[in-house]
Amino acid sequence: MLSNKFVEDAGNTLGKRLAASWYGRR
C-alpha cells in the first residue's frame, strides 16, 4: 500500500511530467 502510493504513483507522475516536458504535452 505504501509502495503503491509513494513509489508507483510517484513514478507514474514523474514519467508523465518528463514525457510532457521532453516531447510536448499530449
PDB file of all heavy atoms in Angstrom:
ATOM      1  N   MET A   1       0.837  -1.204   0.000  1.00  0.00           N
ATOM      2  CA  MET A   1       0.000   0.000   0.000  1.00  0.00           C
ATOM      3  C   MET A   1       0.870   1.252   0.000  1.00  0.00           C
ATOM      4  O   MET A   1       0.630   2.203  -0.757  1.00  0.00           O
ATOM      5  CB  MET A   1      -0.922  -0.001   1.217  1.00  0.00           C
ATOM      6  CG  MET A   1      -1.972  -1.088   1.223  1.00  0.00           C
ATOM      7  SD  MET A   1      -2.909  -1.071   2.784  1.00  0.00           S
ATOM      8  CE  MET A   1      -3.848  -2.606   2.626  1.00  0.00           C
ATOM      9  N   LEU A   2       1.896   1.235   0.847  1.00  0.00           N
ATOM     10  CA  LEU A   2       2.812   2.369   0.905  1.00  0.00           C
ATOM     11  C   LEU A   2       3.601   2.514  -0.394  1.00  0.00           C
ATOM     12  O   LEU A   2       3.797   3.625  -0.911  1.00  0.00           O
ATOM     13  CB  LEU A   2       3.773   2.205   2.084  1.00  0.00           C
ATOM     14  CG  LEU A   2       3.138   2.248   3.478  1.00  0.00           C
ATOM     15  CD1 LEU A   2       4.176   1.907   4.546  1.00  0.00           C
ATOM     16  CD2 LEU A   2       2.521   3.606   3.753  1.00  0.00           C
ATOM     17  N   SER A   3       4.053   1.383  -0.928  1.00  0.00           N
ATOM     18  CA  SER A   3       4.809   1.408  -2.179  1.00  0.00           C
ATOM     19  C   SER A   3       3.952   1.938  -3.322  1.00  0.00           C
ATOM     20  O   SER A   3       4.417   2.727  -4.150  1.00  0.00           O
ATOM     21  CB  SER A   3       5.313   0.001  -2.504  1.00  0.00           C
ATOM     22  OG  SER A   3       5.884  -0.050  -3.792  1.00  0.00           O
ATOM     23  N   ASN A   4       2.705   1.506  -3.370  1.00  0.00           N
ATOM     24  CA  ASN A   4       1.807   1.960  -4.429  1.00  0.00           C
ATOM     25  C   ASN A   4       1.607   3.475  -4.387  1.00  0.00           C
ATOM     26  O   ASN A   4       1.604   4.152  -5.425  1.00  0.00           O
ATOM     27  CB  ASN A   4       0.466   1.250  -4.308  1.00  0.00           C
ATOM     28  CG  ASN A   4      -0.563   1.760  -5.304  1.00  0.00           C
ATOM     29  OD1 ASN A   4      -1.460   2.519  -4.958  1.00  0.00           O
ATOM     30  ND2 ASN A   4      -0.429   1.360  -6.556  1.00  0.00           N
ATOM     31  N   LYS A   5       1.485   3.995  -3.173  1.00  0.00           N
ATOM     32  CA  LYS A   5       1.217   5.430  -3.021  1.00  0.00           C
ATOM     33  C   LYS A   5       2.457   6.283  -3.224  1.00  0.00           C
ATOM     34  O   LYS A   5       2.413   7.310  -3.917  1.00  0.00           O
ATOM     35  CB  LYS A   5       0.621   5.692  -1.645  1.00  0.00           C
ATOM     36  CG  LYS A   5       0.254   7.156  -1.401  1.00  0.00           C
ATOM     37  CD  LYS A   5      -0.423   7.343  -0.060  1.00  0.00           C
ATOM     38  CE  LYS A   5      -0.816   8.807   0.155  1.00  0.00           C
ATOM     39  NZ  LYS A   5      -1.511   9.006   1.458  1.00  0.00           N
ATOM     40  N   PHE A   6       3.572   5.868  -2.639  1.00  0.00           N
ATOM     41  CA  PHE A   6       4.738   6.737  -2.612  1.00  0.00           C
ATOM     42  C   PHE A   6       5.811   6.379  -3.647  1.00  0.00           C
ATOM     43  O   PHE A   6       6.705   7.179  -3.901  1.00  0.00           O
ATOM     44  CB  PHE A   6       5.363   6.717  -1.216  1.00  0.00           C
ATOM     45  CG  PHE A   6       4.472   7.287  -0.154  1.00  0.00           C
ATOM     46  CD1 PHE A   6       3.857   6.460   0.771  1.00  0.00           C
ATOM     47  CD2 PHE A   6       4.228   8.652  -0.092  1.00  0.00           C
ATOM     48  CE1 PHE A   6       3.021   6.982   1.751  1.00  0.00           C
ATOM     49  CE2 PHE A   6       3.395   9.181   0.887  1.00  0.00           C
ATOM     50  CZ  PHE A   6       2.792   8.345   1.814  1.00  0.00           C
ATOM     51  N   VAL A   7       5.725   5.182  -4.225  1.00  0.00           N
ATOM     52  CA  VAL A   7       6.719   4.779  -5.215  1.00  0.00           C
ATOM     53  C   VAL A   7       6.083   4.652  -6.605  1.00  0.00           C
ATOM     54  O   VAL A   7       6.515   5.300  -7.556  1.00  0.00           O
ATOM     55  CB  VAL A   7       7.397   3.449  -4.816  1.00  0.00           C
ATOM     56  CG1 VAL A   7       8.411   3.015  -5.879  1.00  0.00           C
ATOM     57  CG2 VAL A   7       8.087   3.584  -3.466  1.00  0.00           C
ATOM     58  N   GLU A   8       5.051   3.807  -6.714  1.00  0.00           N
ATOM     59  CA  GLU A   8       4.404   3.622  -8.018  1.00  0.00           C
ATOM     60  C   GLU A   8       3.762   4.914  -8.520  1.00  0.00           C
ATOM     61  O   GLU A   8       4.013   5.345  -9.651  1.00  0.00           O
ATOM     62  CB  GLU A   8       3.340   2.532  -7.922  1.00  0.00           C
ATOM     63  CG  GLU A   8       3.861   1.120  -7.849  1.00  0.00           C
ATOM     64  CD  GLU A   8       2.730   0.127  -7.992  1.00  0.00           C
ATOM     65  OE1 GLU A   8       2.168   0.030  -9.091  1.00  0.00           O
ATOM     66  OE2 GLU A   8       2.396  -0.543  -6.993  1.00  0.00           O
ATOM     67  N   ASP A   9       2.903   5.515  -7.677  1.00  0.00           N
ATOM     68  CA  ASP A   9       2.219   6.735  -8.115  1.00  0.00           C
ATOM     69  C   ASP A   9       3.203   7.859  -8.400  1.00  0.00           C
ATOM     70  O   ASP A   9       3.034   8.619  -9.364  1.00  0.00           O
ATOM     71  CB  ASP A   9       1.213   7.184  -7.048  1.00  0.00           C
ATOM     72  CG  ASP A   9      -0.003   6.275  -6.976  1.00  0.00           C
ATOM     73  OD1 ASP A   9      -0.149   5.418  -7.872  1.00  0.00           O
ATOM     74  OD2 ASP A   9      -0.806   6.413  -6.029  1.00  0.00           O
ATOM     75  N   ALA A  10       4.242   7.955  -7.565  1.00  0.00           N
ATOM     76  CA  ALA A  10       5.258   8.989  -7.809  1.00  0.00           C
ATOM     77  C   ALA A  10       5.986   8.729  -9.122  1.00  0.00           C
ATOM     78  O   ALA A  10       6.272   9.665  -9.880  1.00  0.00           O
ATOM     79  CB  ALA A  10       6.249   9.024  -6.644  1.00  0.00           C
ATOM     80  N   GLY A  11       6.296   7.453  -9.410  1.00  0.00           N
ATOM     81  CA  GLY A  11       6.954   7.119 -10.667  1.00  0.00           C
ATOM     82  C   GLY A  11       6.082   7.419 -11.867  1.00  0.00           C
ATOM     83  O   GLY A  11       6.554   7.972 -12.878  1.00  0.00           O
ATOM     84  N   ASN A  12       4.786   7.061 -11.772  1.00  0.00           N
ATOM     85  CA  ASN A  12       3.861   7.357 -12.870  1.00  0.00           C
ATOM     86  C   ASN A  12       3.764   8.847 -13.124  1.00  0.00           C
ATOM     87  O   ASN A  12       3.786   9.307 -14.276  1.00  0.00           O
ATOM     88  CB  ASN A  12       2.469   6.798 -12.543  1.00  0.00           C
ATOM     89  CG  ASN A  12       2.395   5.294 -12.674  1.00  0.00           C
ATOM     90  OD1 ASN A  12       3.125   4.700 -13.461  1.00  0.00           O
ATOM     91  ND2 ASN A  12       1.535   4.672 -11.901  1.00  0.00           N
ATOM     92  N   THR A  13       3.660   9.622 -12.043  1.00  0.00           N
ATOM     93  CA  THR A  13       3.552  11.075 -12.183  1.00  0.00           C
ATOM     94  C   THR A  13       4.811  11.672 -12.802  1.00  0.00           C
ATOM     95  O   THR A  13       4.744  12.521 -13.704  1.00  0.00           O
ATOM     96  CB  THR A  13       3.300  11.713 -10.809  1.00  0.00           C
ATOM     97  OG1 THR A  13       2.081  11.192 -10.262  1.00  0.00           O
ATOM     98  CG2 THR A  13       3.184  13.225 -10.926  1.00  0.00           C
ATOM     99  N   LEU A  14       5.970  11.215 -12.327  1.00  0.00           N
ATOM    100  CA  LEU A  14       7.232  11.711 -12.869  1.00  0.00           C
ATOM    101  C   LEU A  14       7.368  11.357 -14.342  1.00  0.00           C
ATOM    102  O   LEU A  14       7.802  12.184 -15.160  1.00  0.00           O
ATOM    103  CB  LEU A  14       8.406  11.132 -12.076  1.00  0.00           C
ATOM    104  CG  LEU A  14       9.816  11.529 -12.548  1.00  0.00           C
ATOM    105  CD1 LEU A  14       9.989  13.041 -12.487  1.00  0.00           C
ATOM    106  CD2 LEU A  14      10.880  10.821 -11.702  1.00  0.00           C
ATOM    107  N   GLY A  15       6.993  10.120 -14.711  1.00  0.00           N
ATOM    108  CA  GLY A  15       7.074   9.714 -16.106  1.00  0.00           C
ATOM    109  C   GLY A  15       6.210  10.570 -17.009  1.00  0.00           C
ATOM    110  O   GLY A  15       6.633  10.975 -18.109  1.00  0.00           O
ATOM    111  N   LYS A  16       5.006  10.893 -16.557  1.00  0.00           N
ATOM    112  CA  LYS A  16       4.110  11.727 -17.359  1.00  0.00           C
ATOM    113  C   LYS A  16       4.654  13.146 -17.491  1.00  0.00           C
ATOM    114  O   LYS A  16       4.585  13.754 -18.572  1.00  0.00           O
ATOM    115  CB  LYS A  16       2.725  11.748 -16.721  1.00  0.00           C
ATOM    116  CG  LYS A  16       1.988  10.421 -16.800  1.00  0.00           C
ATOM    117  CD  LYS A  16       0.650  10.494 -16.073  1.00  0.00           C
ATOM    118  CE  LYS A  16      -0.065   9.159 -16.129  1.00  0.00           C
ATOM    119  NZ  LYS A  16      -1.352   9.184 -15.405  1.00  0.00           N
ATOM    120  N   ARG A  17       5.194  13.656 -16.400  1.00  0.00           N
ATOM    121  CA  ARG A  17       5.731  15.020 -16.456  1.00  0.00           C
ATOM    122  C   ARG A  17       6.944  15.105 -17.373  1.00  0.00           C
ATOM    123  O   ARG A  17       7.081  16.058 -18.146  1.00  0.00           O
ATOM    124  CB  ARG A  17       6.101  15.481 -15.044  1.00  0.00           C
ATOM    125  CG  ARG A  17       4.892  15.781 -14.155  1.00  0.00           C
ATOM    126  CD  ARG A  17       5.328  16.190 -12.756  1.00  0.00           C
ATOM    127  NE  ARG A  17       4.176  16.526 -11.929  1.00  0.00           N
ATOM    128  CZ  ARG A  17       4.255  16.823 -10.639  1.00  0.00           C
ATOM    129  NH1 ARG A  17       5.438  16.822 -10.032  1.00  0.00           N
ATOM    130  NH2 ARG A  17       3.168  17.114  -9.958  1.00  0.00           N
ATOM    131  N   LEU A  18       7.822  14.120 -17.278  1.00  0.00           N
ATOM    132  CA  LEU A  18       9.007  14.130 -18.132  1.00  0.00           C
ATOM    133  C   LEU A  18       8.629  13.962 -19.600  1.00  0.00           C
ATOM    134  O   LEU A  18       9.202  14.624 -20.477  1.00  0.00           O
ATOM    135  CB  LEU A  18       9.969  13.019 -17.707  1.00  0.00           C
ATOM    136  CG  LEU A  18      10.684  13.221 -16.369  1.00  0.00           C
ATOM    137  CD1 LEU A  18      11.536  12.001 -16.029  1.00  0.00           C
ATOM    138  CD2 LEU A  18      11.550  14.475 -16.412  1.00  0.00           C
ATOM    139  N   ALA A  19       7.666  13.080 -19.864  1.00  0.00           N
ATOM    140  CA  ALA A  19       7.226  12.884 -21.248  1.00  0.00           C
ATOM    141  C   ALA A  19       6.633  14.165 -21.812  1.00  0.00           C
ATOM    142  O   ALA A  19       6.897  14.545 -22.961  1.00  0.00           O
ATOM    143  CB  ALA A  19       6.209  11.745 -21.313  1.00  0.00           C
ATOM    144  N   ALA A  20       5.833  14.848 -20.980  1.00  0.00           N
ATOM    145  CA  ALA A  20       5.233  16.104 -21.428  1.00  0.00           C
ATOM    146  C   ALA A  20       6.296  17.184 -21.624  1.00  0.00           C
ATOM    147  O   ALA A  20       6.227  17.987 -22.560  1.00  0.00           O
ATOM    148  CB  ALA A  20       4.188  16.566 -20.419  1.00  0.00           C
ATOM    149  N   SER A  21       7.299  17.181 -20.748  1.00  0.00           N
ATOM    150  CA  SER A  21       8.356  18.202 -20.835  1.00  0.00           C
ATOM    151  C   SER A  21       9.267  17.965 -22.031  1.00  0.00           C
ATOM    152  O   SER A  21       9.645  18.914 -22.733  1.00  0.00           O
ATOM    153  CB  SER A  21       9.173  18.185 -19.545  1.00  0.00           C
ATOM    154  OG  SER A  21      10.286  19.043 -19.627  1.00  0.00           O
ATOM    155  N   TRP A  22       9.614  16.711 -22.265  1.00  0.00           N
ATOM    156  CA  TRP A  22      10.555  16.393 -23.341  1.00  0.00           C
ATOM    157  C   TRP A  22       9.907  16.396 -24.722  1.00  0.00           C
ATOM    158  O   TRP A  22      10.517  16.808 -25.698  1.00  0.00           O
ATOM    159  CB  TRP A  22      11.190  15.032 -23.088  1.00  0.00           C
ATOM    160  CG  TRP A  22      12.089  14.998 -21.891  1.00  0.00           C
ATOM    161  CD1 TRP A  22      12.591  16.063 -21.201  1.00  0.00           C
ATOM    162  CD2 TRP A  22      12.577  13.829 -21.218  1.00  0.00           C
ATOM    163  NE1 TRP A  22      13.361  15.649 -20.146  1.00  0.00           N
ATOM    164  CE2 TRP A  22      13.388  14.281 -20.126  1.00  0.00           C
ATOM    165  CE3 TRP A  22      12.433  12.464 -21.415  1.00  0.00           C
ATOM    166  CZ2 TRP A  22      14.019  13.393 -19.260  1.00  0.00           C
ATOM    167  CZ3 TRP A  22      13.069  11.578 -20.552  1.00  0.00           C
ATOM    168  CH2 TRP A  22      13.852  12.047 -19.480  1.00  0.00           C
ATOM    169  N   TYR A  23       8.691  15.913 -24.806  1.00  0.00           N
ATOM    170  CA  TYR A  23       8.087  15.685 -26.133  1.00  0.00           C
ATOM    171  C   TYR A  23       6.817  16.490 -26.366  1.00  0.00           C
ATOM    172  O   TYR A  23       6.099  16.247 -27.327  1.00  0.00           O
ATOM    173  CB  TYR A  23       7.784  14.193 -26.305  1.00  0.00           C
ATOM    174  CG  TYR A  23       9.007  13.342 -26.094  1.00  0.00           C
ATOM    175  CD1 TYR A  23       9.065  12.428 -25.051  1.00  0.00           C
ATOM    176  CD2 TYR A  23      10.113  13.460 -26.937  1.00  0.00           C
ATOM    177  CE1 TYR A  23      10.200  11.651 -24.849  1.00  0.00           C
ATOM    178  CE2 TYR A  23      11.247  12.695 -26.732  1.00  0.00           C
ATOM    179  CZ  TYR A  23      11.285  11.791 -25.690  1.00  0.00           C
ATOM    180  OH  TYR A  23      12.399  11.028 -25.486  1.00  0.00           O
ATOM    181  N   GLY A  24       6.516  17.418 -25.473  1.00  0.00           N
ATOM    182  CA  GLY A  24       5.340  18.245 -25.686  1.00  0.00           C
ATOM    183  C   GLY A  24       4.127  17.628 -25.024  1.00  0.00           C
ATOM    184  O   GLY A  24       3.942  16.418 -25.017  1.00  0.00           O
ATOM    185  N   ARG A  25       3.269  18.456 -24.471  1.00  0.00           N
ATOM    186  CA  ARG A  25       2.093  17.970 -23.761  1.00  0.00           C
ATOM    187  C   ARG A  25       1.102  17.380 -24.757  1.00  0.00           C
ATOM    188  O   ARG A  25       0.648  18.049 -25.668  1.00  0.00           O
ATOM    189  CB  ARG A  25       1.436  19.111 -22.970  1.00  0.00           C
ATOM    190  CG  ARG A  25       0.355  18.616 -22.004  1.00  0.00           C
ATOM    191  CD  ARG A  25      -0.090  19.775 -21.122  1.00  0.00           C
ATOM    192  NE  ARG A  25       1.024  20.321 -20.367  1.00  0.00           N
ATOM    193  CZ  ARG A  25       1.470  19.777 -19.234  1.00  0.00           C
ATOM    194  NH1 ARG A  25       0.909  18.681 -18.757  1.00  0.00           N
ATOM    195  NH2 ARG A  25       2.494  20.321 -18.601  1.00  0.00           N
ATOM    196  N   ARG A  26       0.751  16.133 -24.548  1.00  0.00           N
ATOM    197  CA  ARG A  26      -0.165  15.452 -25.452  1.00  0.00           C
ATOM    198  C   ARG A  26      -1.594  15.799 -25.091  1.00  0.00           C
ATOM    199  O   ARG A  26      -1.891  16.281 -24.006  1.00  0.00           O
ATOM    200  CB  ARG A  26       0.026  13.940 -25.387  1.00  0.00           C
ATOM    201  CG  ARG A  26       0.064  13.409 -24.006  1.00  0.00           C
ATOM    202  CD  ARG A  26       0.299  11.940 -23.997  1.00  0.00           C
ATOM    203  NE  ARG A  26      -0.909  11.215 -24.311  1.00  0.00           N
ATOM    204  CZ  ARG A  26      -1.020   9.897 -24.224  1.00  0.00           C
ATOM    205  NH1 ARG A  26       0.006   9.183 -23.858  1.00  0.00           N
ATOM    206  NH2 ARG A  26      -2.139   9.299 -24.518  1.00  0.00           N
TER     207      ARG A  26
END
